[in-house]
Amino acid sequence: MLSDYRRIFAPAGTLSFSAAGFIARLPLSMTGVGIVTMLSQFGGAYWLAGSVSATQALAAAAIGPQISRLVDRHGQHRVILPATAVTVAAVCVLLLCARYGAPDWTLYAAAAVAGCMPSMGALVRSRWAEVHRTSPRLLHTAYSLESVLDEVIYVVGPILAITLSTRIWAGAGPLAAAVLLAVGVVLFAAQRRTEPPVRPDPRGAGGSALRIPGIGLLVLTVTSVGASYGSVEVVTVAFAGDHHHKVLSGLLLGLYALGSGMVGAVFGAVAPRGVITRRLLVSVWAMAVTTVPLLFAPNLAVLAGMLFLAGMGLAPTLITMMGLVGELAPAAKLTESITWIVSGLSVGVALGYATSGWVVDAAGVSAGYWVPCVTALLAASTLSLALPWLLRPRAQ
């Protein structure tokens, strides 16, 4: 099972750029919750903290693909270093504004500029695509590894940010995120040997990657996937609180991530079979089906097993989707295309947070799990309807 994972690291420099990418990606899961914790620790209202954090997340979702488009045109190291410098400066300004009680608009402005953070997940996957371009099986394993690392990042990052801001100093969480981003990006950019070369776009210089047939449909699908993922988190916290054990919500969500991570690791060790579009369709429908039992959870113990099961459909969906993006998008637009998928997932998570919170408040905790079920079904239905477009010949 581990042989393919060893083989993906055989080329020189692969372990180094993957490790540097891991460090640079930790801030993705630290920044939002770090902003919320920091502002609340400084005495700000939770609505303000949440809206400032949402501003940063939405700005990153909008700006990230534009940064990645520049990466495709000019190369990774030329773009990500200045983009990271802007992001780190904006986080520091946000921290100072929060510390010294600056007007609220300054918090929103700084958070929006902090959205210039490079999409490190896309940059790392672009390097894997370059290294293993002639070996689809090893590229599948590499994407699986990065998906598992994403799960680790989204478990460890928030815990680290909250602990730093509550135990050391209110601004320590966002500050640590900024430092990790700077260190990780500098280490990543310094590894020029594995950096993908800039390639001319066969369709011409202009235009968004969303114009590539199939990419926009995948973004719509992954937005629904993200909404399902995000709503599970919110409703699970509410469910645990309703059963008088809110402190266990972190453990429950850890099991959800564990189910995804374990299956992702196994999935990466198995040689992919069949047409990739149909594999993606099976994965998305599996995610939708395994989400349904959450509607019938009677207590926390049963919910724990159901969450572990529900998480199993997530990693194969995202891994296969990244693989399909690599087949649909030309190399000249690969980084931007992957970033659109990441942005769609982030927007979906934010929508899932908001929608599930409203449903829980309006209809109660028992109705909350309808949100992940409906959004997962929407993702599966969207992909089913889009299948004819996705089956068209791949881009060259």
Protein backbone atom coordinates (compact mmCIF):
# COMPACT_ATOMS: atom_id res chain seq x y z
CA MET A 1 0.00 0.00 0.00
CA LEU A 2 2.84 2.39 0.80
CA SER A 3 4.89 1.66 -2.33
CA ASP A 4 3.18 4.32 -4.47
CA TYR A 5 3.60 6.90 -1.71
CA ARG A 6 7.32 6.15 -1.62
CA ARG A 7 7.51 6.36 -5.42
CA ILE A 8 5.98 9.83 -5.64
CA PHE A 9 8.89 11.16 -3.58
CA ALA A 10 11.55 9.47 -5.72
CA PRO A 11 12.23 12.57 -7.89
CA ALA A 12 14.62 15.03 -6.26
CA GLY A 13 13.01 17.96 -4.44
CA THR A 14 9.51 16.51 -4.10
CA LEU A 15 9.65 16.00 -0.33
CA SER A 16 11.05 19.50 0.15
CA PHE A 17 8.36 21.34 -1.81
CA SER A 18 5.58 19.26 -0.28
CA ALA A 19 6.85 20.01 3.25
CA ALA A 20 7.26 23.72 2.49
CA GLY A 21 3.78 23.75 0.97
CA PHE A 22 2.37 22.17 4.13
CA ILE A 23 3.87 24.95 6.27
CA ALA A 24 2.59 27.64 3.90
CA ARG A 25 -0.92 26.10 3.88
CA LEU A 26 -1.38 25.99 7.64
CA PRO A 27 -2.38 29.70 7.68
CA LEU A 28 -5.33 28.89 5.41
CA SER A 29 -7.05 27.19 8.35
CA MET A 30 -5.63 29.53 10.99
CA THR A 31 -6.42 32.98 9.62
CA GLY A 32 -10.22 32.98 9.75
CA VAL A 33 -10.64 31.48 13.21
CA GLY A 34 -7.62 33.49 14.37
CA ILE A 35 -9.30 36.74 13.36
CA VAL A 36 -12.50 35.77 15.17
CA THR A 37 -10.63 34.79 18.34
CA MET A 38 -8.40 37.87 18.25
CA LEU A 39 -11.21 40.39 17.84
CA SER A 40 -13.34 38.72 20.50
CA GLN A 41 -10.37 38.64 22.89
CA PHE A 42 -9.83 42.36 22.27
CA GLY A 43 -13.46 42.95 23.27
CA GLY A 44 -15.08 43.14 19.87
CA ALA A 45 -18.58 41.84 19.21
CA TYR A 46 -18.87 38.40 17.67
CA TRP A 47 -20.86 39.72 14.71
CA LEU A 48 -17.97 42.06 13.92
CA ALA A 49 -15.39 39.32 14.34
CA GLY A 50 -17.36 36.96 12.13
CA SER A 51 -17.99 39.49 9.39
CA VAL A 52 -14.34 40.60 9.29
CA SER A 53 -13.26 36.96 9.04
CA ALA A 54 -15.83 36.38 6.28
CA THR A 55 -14.46 39.41 4.41
CA GLN A 56 -10.99 37.88 4.40
CA ALA A 57 -12.31 34.49 3.26
CA LEU A 58 -14.44 35.91 0.44
CA ALA A 59 -11.62 38.21 -0.69
CA ALA A 60 -9.27 35.22 -0.83
CA ALA A 61 -11.82 33.28 -2.88
CA ALA A 62 -12.10 36.15 -5.36
CA ILE A 63 -8.45 37.25 -5.50
CA GLY A 64 -6.86 33.80 -5.32
CA PRO A 65 -7.66 32.79 -8.92
CA GLN A 66 -6.31 36.13 -10.18
CA ILE A 67 -3.04 35.56 -8.30
CA SER A 68 -2.86 32.06 -9.77
CA ARG A 69 -3.51 33.40 -13.28
CA LEU A 70 -0.44 35.60 -12.84
CA VAL A 71 1.46 32.53 -11.62
CA ASP A 72 0.58 30.66 -14.81
CA ARG A 73 1.79 33.61 -16.89
CA HIS A 74 4.94 34.64 -15.02
CA GLY A 75 6.01 31.71 -12.84
CA GLN A 76 5.49 30.81 -9.19
CA HIS A 77 8.41 32.56 -7.51
CA ARG A 78 7.85 35.87 -9.30
CA VAL A 79 4.26 36.16 -8.09
CA ILE A 80 3.88 34.44 -4.74
CA LEU A 81 6.66 36.33 -2.95
CA PRO A 82 5.15 39.83 -3.49
CA ALA A 83 1.61 38.48 -2.93
CA THR A 84 2.73 36.99 0.38
CA ALA A 85 4.43 40.24 1.39
CA VAL A 86 1.16 42.11 0.82
CA THR A 87 -0.78 39.50 2.80
CA VAL A 88 1.61 39.53 5.76
CA ALA A 89 1.58 43.34 5.84
CA ALA A 90 -2.23 43.37 5.76
CA VAL A 91 -2.47 40.87 8.63
CA CYS A 92 -0.08 43.03 10.69
CA VAL A 93 -2.15 46.13 9.93
CA LEU A 94 -5.31 44.25 10.94
CA LEU A 95 -3.66 43.19 14.19
CA LEU A 96 -2.59 46.78 14.99
CA CYS A 97 -6.03 48.19 14.13
CA ALA A 98 -7.68 45.64 16.42
CA ARG A 99 -5.18 46.23 19.21
CA TYR A 100 -5.55 50.01 19.23
CA GLY A 101 -9.28 50.23 18.57
CA ALA A 102 -9.23 51.69 15.06
CA PRO A 103 -12.57 52.26 13.28
CA ASP A 104 -14.34 49.13 12.08
CA TRP A 105 -13.86 49.98 8.41
CA THR A 106 -10.10 49.65 8.82
CA LEU A 107 -10.58 46.05 9.96
CA TYR A 108 -12.62 45.23 6.88
CA ALA A 109 -10.12 46.96 4.57
CA ALA A 110 -7.13 45.13 6.05
CA ALA A 111 -8.99 41.80 5.95
CA ALA A 112 -9.85 42.32 2.28
CA VAL A 113 -6.21 43.03 1.36
CA ALA A 114 -5.17 39.93 3.32
CA GLY A 115 -7.14 38.00 0.71
CA CYS A 116 -4.09 38.30 -1.58
CA MET A 117 -2.78 35.10 0.06
CA PRO A 118 -1.53 32.70 -2.65
CA SER A 119 -3.46 29.46 -3.11
CA MET A 120 -0.69 27.18 -1.90
CA GLY A 121 -2.79 24.05 -2.37
CA ALA A 122 -3.01 24.82 -6.09
CA LEU A 123 0.69 25.67 -6.32
CA VAL A 124 1.74 22.40 -4.68
CA ARG A 125 -0.57 20.37 -6.89
CA SER A 126 0.77 22.15 -9.99
CA ARG A 127 4.26 20.99 -9.05
CA TRP A 128 3.07 17.42 -8.58
CA ALA A 129 1.39 17.61 -11.99
CA GLU A 130 4.67 18.70 -13.54
CA VAL A 131 6.77 16.07 -11.77
CA HIS A 132 4.42 13.15 -12.53
CA ARG A 133 2.91 14.37 -15.80
CA THR A 134 3.70 11.07 -17.53
CA SER A 135 2.39 8.86 -14.70
CA PRO A 136 -1.34 9.29 -13.99
CA ARG A 137 -1.21 6.70 -11.22
CA LEU A 138 1.52 8.50 -9.27
CA LEU A 139 -0.19 11.85 -9.83
CA HIS A 140 -3.38 10.32 -8.40
CA THR A 141 -1.39 9.22 -5.34
CA ALA A 142 0.23 12.65 -4.98
CA TYR A 143 -3.17 14.38 -5.11
CA SER A 144 -4.44 11.90 -2.52
CA LEU A 145 -1.53 12.73 -0.23
CA GLU A 146 -2.25 16.44 -0.50
CA SER A 147 -5.91 15.82 0.29
CA VAL A 148 -4.93 13.95 3.45
CA LEU A 149 -2.58 16.78 4.40
CA ASP A 150 -5.45 19.22 3.88
CA GLU A 151 -7.46 17.28 6.46
CA VAL A 152 -4.54 17.48 8.90
CA ILE A 153 -4.20 21.21 8.25
CA TYR A 154 -7.88 21.88 8.94
CA VAL A 155 -7.72 19.92 12.19
CA VAL A 156 -4.42 21.29 13.52
CA GLY A 157 -4.61 24.89 12.25
CA PRO A 158 -7.71 26.11 14.14
CA ILE A 159 -6.57 24.44 17.36
CA LEU A 160 -3.17 26.15 17.06
CA ALA A 161 -4.65 29.58 16.30
CA ILE A 162 -7.21 29.45 19.11
CA THR A 163 -4.67 28.17 21.64
CA LEU A 164 -2.18 30.91 20.81
CA SER A 165 -4.79 33.68 20.95
CA THR A 166 -6.38 32.51 24.20
CA ARG A 167 -3.31 31.30 26.10
CA ILE A 168 -0.54 33.70 25.03
CA TRP A 169 -1.88 36.93 23.50
CA ALA A 170 -5.00 37.85 21.55
CA GLY A 171 -3.09 38.64 18.37
CA ALA A 172 -0.78 35.62 18.57
CA GLY A 173 -2.97 33.42 16.35
CA PRO A 174 -3.07 35.70 13.28
CA LEU A 175 0.54 36.72 13.85
CA ALA A 176 1.67 33.07 13.88
CA ALA A 177 -0.33 32.48 10.69
CA ALA A 178 1.47 35.38 9.01
CA VAL A 179 4.88 34.10 10.11
CA LEU A 180 4.15 30.54 8.94
CA LEU A 181 2.92 31.85 5.60
CA ALA A 182 6.06 33.93 5.08
CA VAL A 183 8.42 31.12 6.07
CA GLY A 184 6.59 28.48 4.06
CA VAL A 185 6.32 30.58 0.90
CA VAL A 186 9.98 31.64 1.02
CA LEU A 187 11.07 28.00 1.40
CA PHE A 188 8.68 26.93 -1.37
CA ALA A 189 9.70 29.66 -3.82
CA ALA A 190 13.41 28.97 -3.24
CA GLN A 191 13.00 25.48 -4.74
CA ARG A 192 13.27 26.46 -8.37
CA ARG A 193 14.22 22.98 -9.62
CA THR A 194 10.65 21.65 -9.26
CA GLU A 195 8.86 24.84 -10.32
CA PRO A 196 6.66 24.29 -13.40
CA PRO A 197 7.85 26.24 -16.45
CA VAL A 198 5.70 28.99 -17.90
CA ARG A 199 3.91 27.61 -20.94
CA PRO A 200 2.06 29.50 -23.69
CA ASP A 201 -1.71 29.15 -23.68
CA PRO A 202 -2.74 27.27 -26.85
CA ARG A 203 -6.00 29.22 -26.87
CA GLY A 204 -4.40 32.64 -26.57
CA ALA A 205 -3.24 34.83 -23.70
CA GLY A 206 -6.55 36.17 -22.48
CA GLY A 207 -9.56 34.79 -20.69
CA SER A 208 -10.39 33.20 -17.39
CA ALA A 209 -9.94 29.49 -16.75
CA LEU A 210 -13.70 29.41 -16.12
CA ARG A 211 -14.11 29.55 -19.89
CA ILE A 212 -12.51 26.12 -20.21
CA PRO A 213 -15.35 23.64 -20.93
CA GLY A 214 -16.24 21.80 -17.76
CA ILE A 215 -14.32 23.93 -15.24
CA GLY A 216 -17.28 26.18 -14.41
CA LEU A 217 -19.49 23.13 -13.89
CA LEU A 218 -16.93 21.63 -11.52
CA VAL A 219 -16.80 24.89 -9.57
CA LEU A 220 -20.59 24.80 -9.16
CA THR A 221 -20.37 21.19 -7.99
CA VAL A 222 -17.57 21.79 -5.51
CA THR A 223 -19.41 24.81 -4.09
CA SER A 224 -22.23 22.49 -3.11
CA VAL A 225 -19.69 20.00 -1.73
CA GLY A 226 -18.21 22.79 0.39
CA ALA A 227 -21.66 23.82 1.63
CA SER A 228 -22.29 20.25 2.76
CA TYR A 229 -18.91 20.11 4.52
CA GLY A 230 -19.33 23.48 6.24
CA SER A 231 -22.88 22.83 7.38
CA VAL A 232 -21.88 19.51 8.97
CA GLU A 233 -19.44 21.42 11.17
CA VAL A 234 -21.98 24.00 12.37
CA VAL A 235 -24.83 21.55 12.94
CA THR A 236 -22.55 19.10 14.77
CA VAL A 237 -21.52 21.82 17.24
CA ALA A 238 -25.19 22.68 17.75
CA PHE A 239 -26.14 19.01 18.12
CA ALA A 240 -23.45 18.44 20.75
CA GLY A 241 -24.58 21.55 22.62
CA ASP A 242 -28.20 20.45 22.48
CA HIS A 243 -27.11 17.18 24.13
CA HIS A 244 -25.21 19.09 26.83
CA HIS A 245 -21.76 18.01 25.64
CA LYS A 246 -20.65 20.87 23.42
CA VAL A 247 -17.05 20.23 24.47
CA LEU A 248 -17.20 16.97 22.49
CA SER A 249 -17.95 18.74 19.21
CA GLY A 250 -14.24 18.97 18.40
CA LEU A 251 -13.85 15.22 18.84
CA LEU A 252 -16.90 14.55 16.66
CA LEU A 253 -15.60 16.76 13.88
CA GLY A 254 -12.21 15.10 14.25
CA LEU A 255 -13.88 11.76 13.46
CA TYR A 256 -15.47 13.35 10.39
CA ALA A 257 -12.02 14.47 9.22
CA LEU A 258 -10.52 11.11 10.17
CA GLY A 259 -13.00 9.25 7.98
CA SER A 260 -12.09 11.47 5.05
CA GLY A 261 -8.36 11.27 5.68
CA MET A 262 -8.22 7.49 6.10
CA VAL A 263 -10.20 6.80 2.95
CA GLY A 264 -8.14 9.41 1.10
CA ALA A 265 -4.94 7.61 2.08
CA VAL A 266 -6.29 4.23 0.94
CA PHE A 267 -7.76 5.77 -2.21
CA GLY A 268 -4.36 7.11 -3.18
CA ALA A 269 -2.76 3.68 -2.91
CA VAL A 270 -5.28 2.05 -5.27
CA ALA A 271 -4.74 2.33 -9.00
CA PRO A 272 -7.61 4.34 -10.52
CA ARG A 273 -9.85 2.40 -12.91
CA GLY A 274 -12.42 3.46 -15.44
CA VAL A 275 -13.27 6.86 -16.87
CA ILE A 276 -12.42 9.63 -14.41
CA THR A 277 -15.74 11.44 -14.90
CA ARG A 278 -17.68 8.36 -13.86
CA ARG A 279 -15.36 7.81 -10.89
CA LEU A 280 -16.14 11.36 -9.81
CA LEU A 281 -19.86 10.77 -10.23
CA VAL A 282 -19.69 7.65 -8.04
CA SER A 283 -17.69 9.54 -5.39
CA VAL A 284 -20.14 12.46 -5.23
CA TRP A 285 -23.16 10.18 -4.99
CA ALA A 286 -21.39 8.16 -2.29
CA MET A 287 -20.88 11.39 -0.36
CA ALA A 288 -24.56 12.26 -0.75
CA VAL A 289 -25.72 8.80 0.38
CA THR A 290 -23.43 8.62 3.43
CA THR A 291 -24.67 12.02 4.59
CA VAL A 292 -28.31 10.87 4.87
CA PRO A 293 -27.90 8.84 8.12
CA LEU A 294 -27.02 12.06 9.96
CA LEU A 295 -30.72 12.93 9.83
CA PHE A 296 -31.51 10.04 12.16
CA ALA A 297 -28.77 10.34 14.80
CA PRO A 298 -30.39 9.72 18.21
CA ASN A 299 -27.38 10.57 20.38
CA LEU A 300 -23.72 11.57 20.30
CA ALA A 301 -22.34 8.02 20.31
CA VAL A 302 -24.29 7.04 17.20
CA LEU A 303 -23.57 10.41 15.60
CA ALA A 304 -19.83 9.77 15.99
CA GLY A 305 -20.04 6.66 13.82
CA MET A 306 -22.28 8.40 11.31
CA LEU A 307 -19.86 11.32 10.98
CA PHE A 308 -16.95 8.95 10.40
CA LEU A 309 -19.00 7.29 7.64
CA ALA A 310 -20.06 10.62 6.15
CA GLY A 311 -16.46 11.80 5.98
CA MET A 312 -15.49 8.81 3.84
CA GLY A 313 -17.08 10.24 0.71
CA LEU A 314 -15.35 13.62 0.89
CA ALA A 315 -11.70 12.86 0.11
CA PRO A 316 -12.35 10.65 -2.97
CA THR A 317 -14.59 13.39 -4.37
CA LEU A 318 -11.99 16.12 -4.00
CA ILE A 319 -9.07 13.94 -5.14
CA THR A 320 -10.90 12.82 -8.28
CA MET A 321 -12.08 16.34 -9.00
CA MET A 322 -8.50 17.65 -8.89
CA GLY A 323 -7.49 14.86 -11.26
CA LEU A 324 -10.27 15.79 -13.67
CA VAL A 325 -9.22 19.45 -13.59
CA GLY A 326 -5.77 18.31 -14.68
CA GLU A 327 -7.33 16.56 -17.68
CA LEU A 328 -9.63 19.42 -18.65
CA ALA A 329 -7.24 22.35 -18.24
CA PRO A 330 -4.17 23.00 -20.38
CA ALA A 331 -0.87 23.22 -18.51
CA ALA A 332 -0.81 26.99 -19.16
CA LYS A 333 -3.91 27.44 -16.99
CA LEU A 334 -3.59 24.59 -14.52
CA THR A 335 -2.80 26.63 -11.39
CA GLU A 336 -5.68 29.03 -11.99
CA SER A 337 -8.07 26.15 -12.72
CA ILE A 338 -7.19 24.35 -9.49
CA THR A 339 -7.52 27.62 -7.58
CA TRP A 340 -11.05 28.11 -8.88
CA ILE A 341 -11.92 24.70 -7.41
CA VAL A 342 -10.35 25.70 -4.08
CA SER A 343 -12.21 29.03 -4.14
CA GLY A 344 -15.51 27.33 -4.94
CA LEU A 345 -14.98 24.98 -2.02
CA SER A 346 -14.22 27.92 0.31
CA VAL A 347 -17.30 29.86 -0.79
CA GLY A 348 -19.39 26.75 -0.34
CA VAL A 349 -18.10 26.25 3.20
CA ALA A 350 -19.00 29.86 4.04
CA LEU A 351 -22.49 29.41 2.58
CA GLY A 352 -22.85 26.17 4.53
CA TYR A 353 -21.94 27.95 7.76
CA ALA A 354 -24.49 30.70 7.18
CA THR A 355 -27.34 28.51 5.90
CA SER A 356 -27.05 25.81 8.55
CA GLY A 357 -26.84 28.40 11.32
CA TRP A 358 -30.03 30.02 10.07
CA VAL A 359 -31.81 26.66 9.80
CA VAL A 360 -30.78 25.61 13.32
CA ASP A 361 -31.99 28.93 14.75
CA ALA A 362 -35.25 28.84 12.80
CA ALA A 363 -36.19 25.14 12.87
CA GLY A 364 -34.06 23.55 15.58
CA VAL A 365 -31.07 21.23 15.69
CA SER A 366 -33.03 18.23 14.43
CA ALA A 367 -33.60 20.00 11.13
CA GLY A 368 -30.01 21.21 10.77
CA TYR A 369 -28.64 18.07 9.09
CA TRP A 370 -31.04 18.58 6.21
CA VAL A 371 -28.63 21.27 4.97
CA PRO A 372 -25.64 18.95 4.32
CA CYS A 373 -27.99 16.32 2.88
CA VAL A 374 -29.65 18.71 0.44
CA THR A 375 -26.40 20.38 -0.61
CA ALA A 376 -24.67 17.02 -1.14
CA LEU A 377 -27.64 15.92 -3.26
CA LEU A 378 -27.38 19.19 -5.18
CA ALA A 379 -23.70 18.48 -5.86
CA ALA A 380 -24.48 14.97 -7.13
CA SER A 381 -27.37 16.21 -9.27
CA THR A 382 -25.29 19.04 -10.76
CA LEU A 383 -22.54 16.62 -11.73
CA SER A 384 -25.03 14.13 -13.18
CA LEU A 385 -26.54 16.81 -15.40
CA ALA A 386 -23.07 18.10 -16.35
CA LEU A 387 -21.69 14.70 -17.33
CA PRO A 388 -22.22 15.17 -21.13
CA TRP A 389 -20.09 18.34 -21.08
CA LEU A 390 -17.39 16.72 -18.94
CA LEU A 391 -17.13 13.77 -21.34
CA ARG A 392 -15.96 16.03 -24.17
CA PRO A 393 -12.34 15.59 -25.33
CA ARG A 394 -9.73 16.86 -22.89
CA ALA A 395 -7.87 20.12 -23.42
CA GLN A 396 -4.43 19.98 -24.99
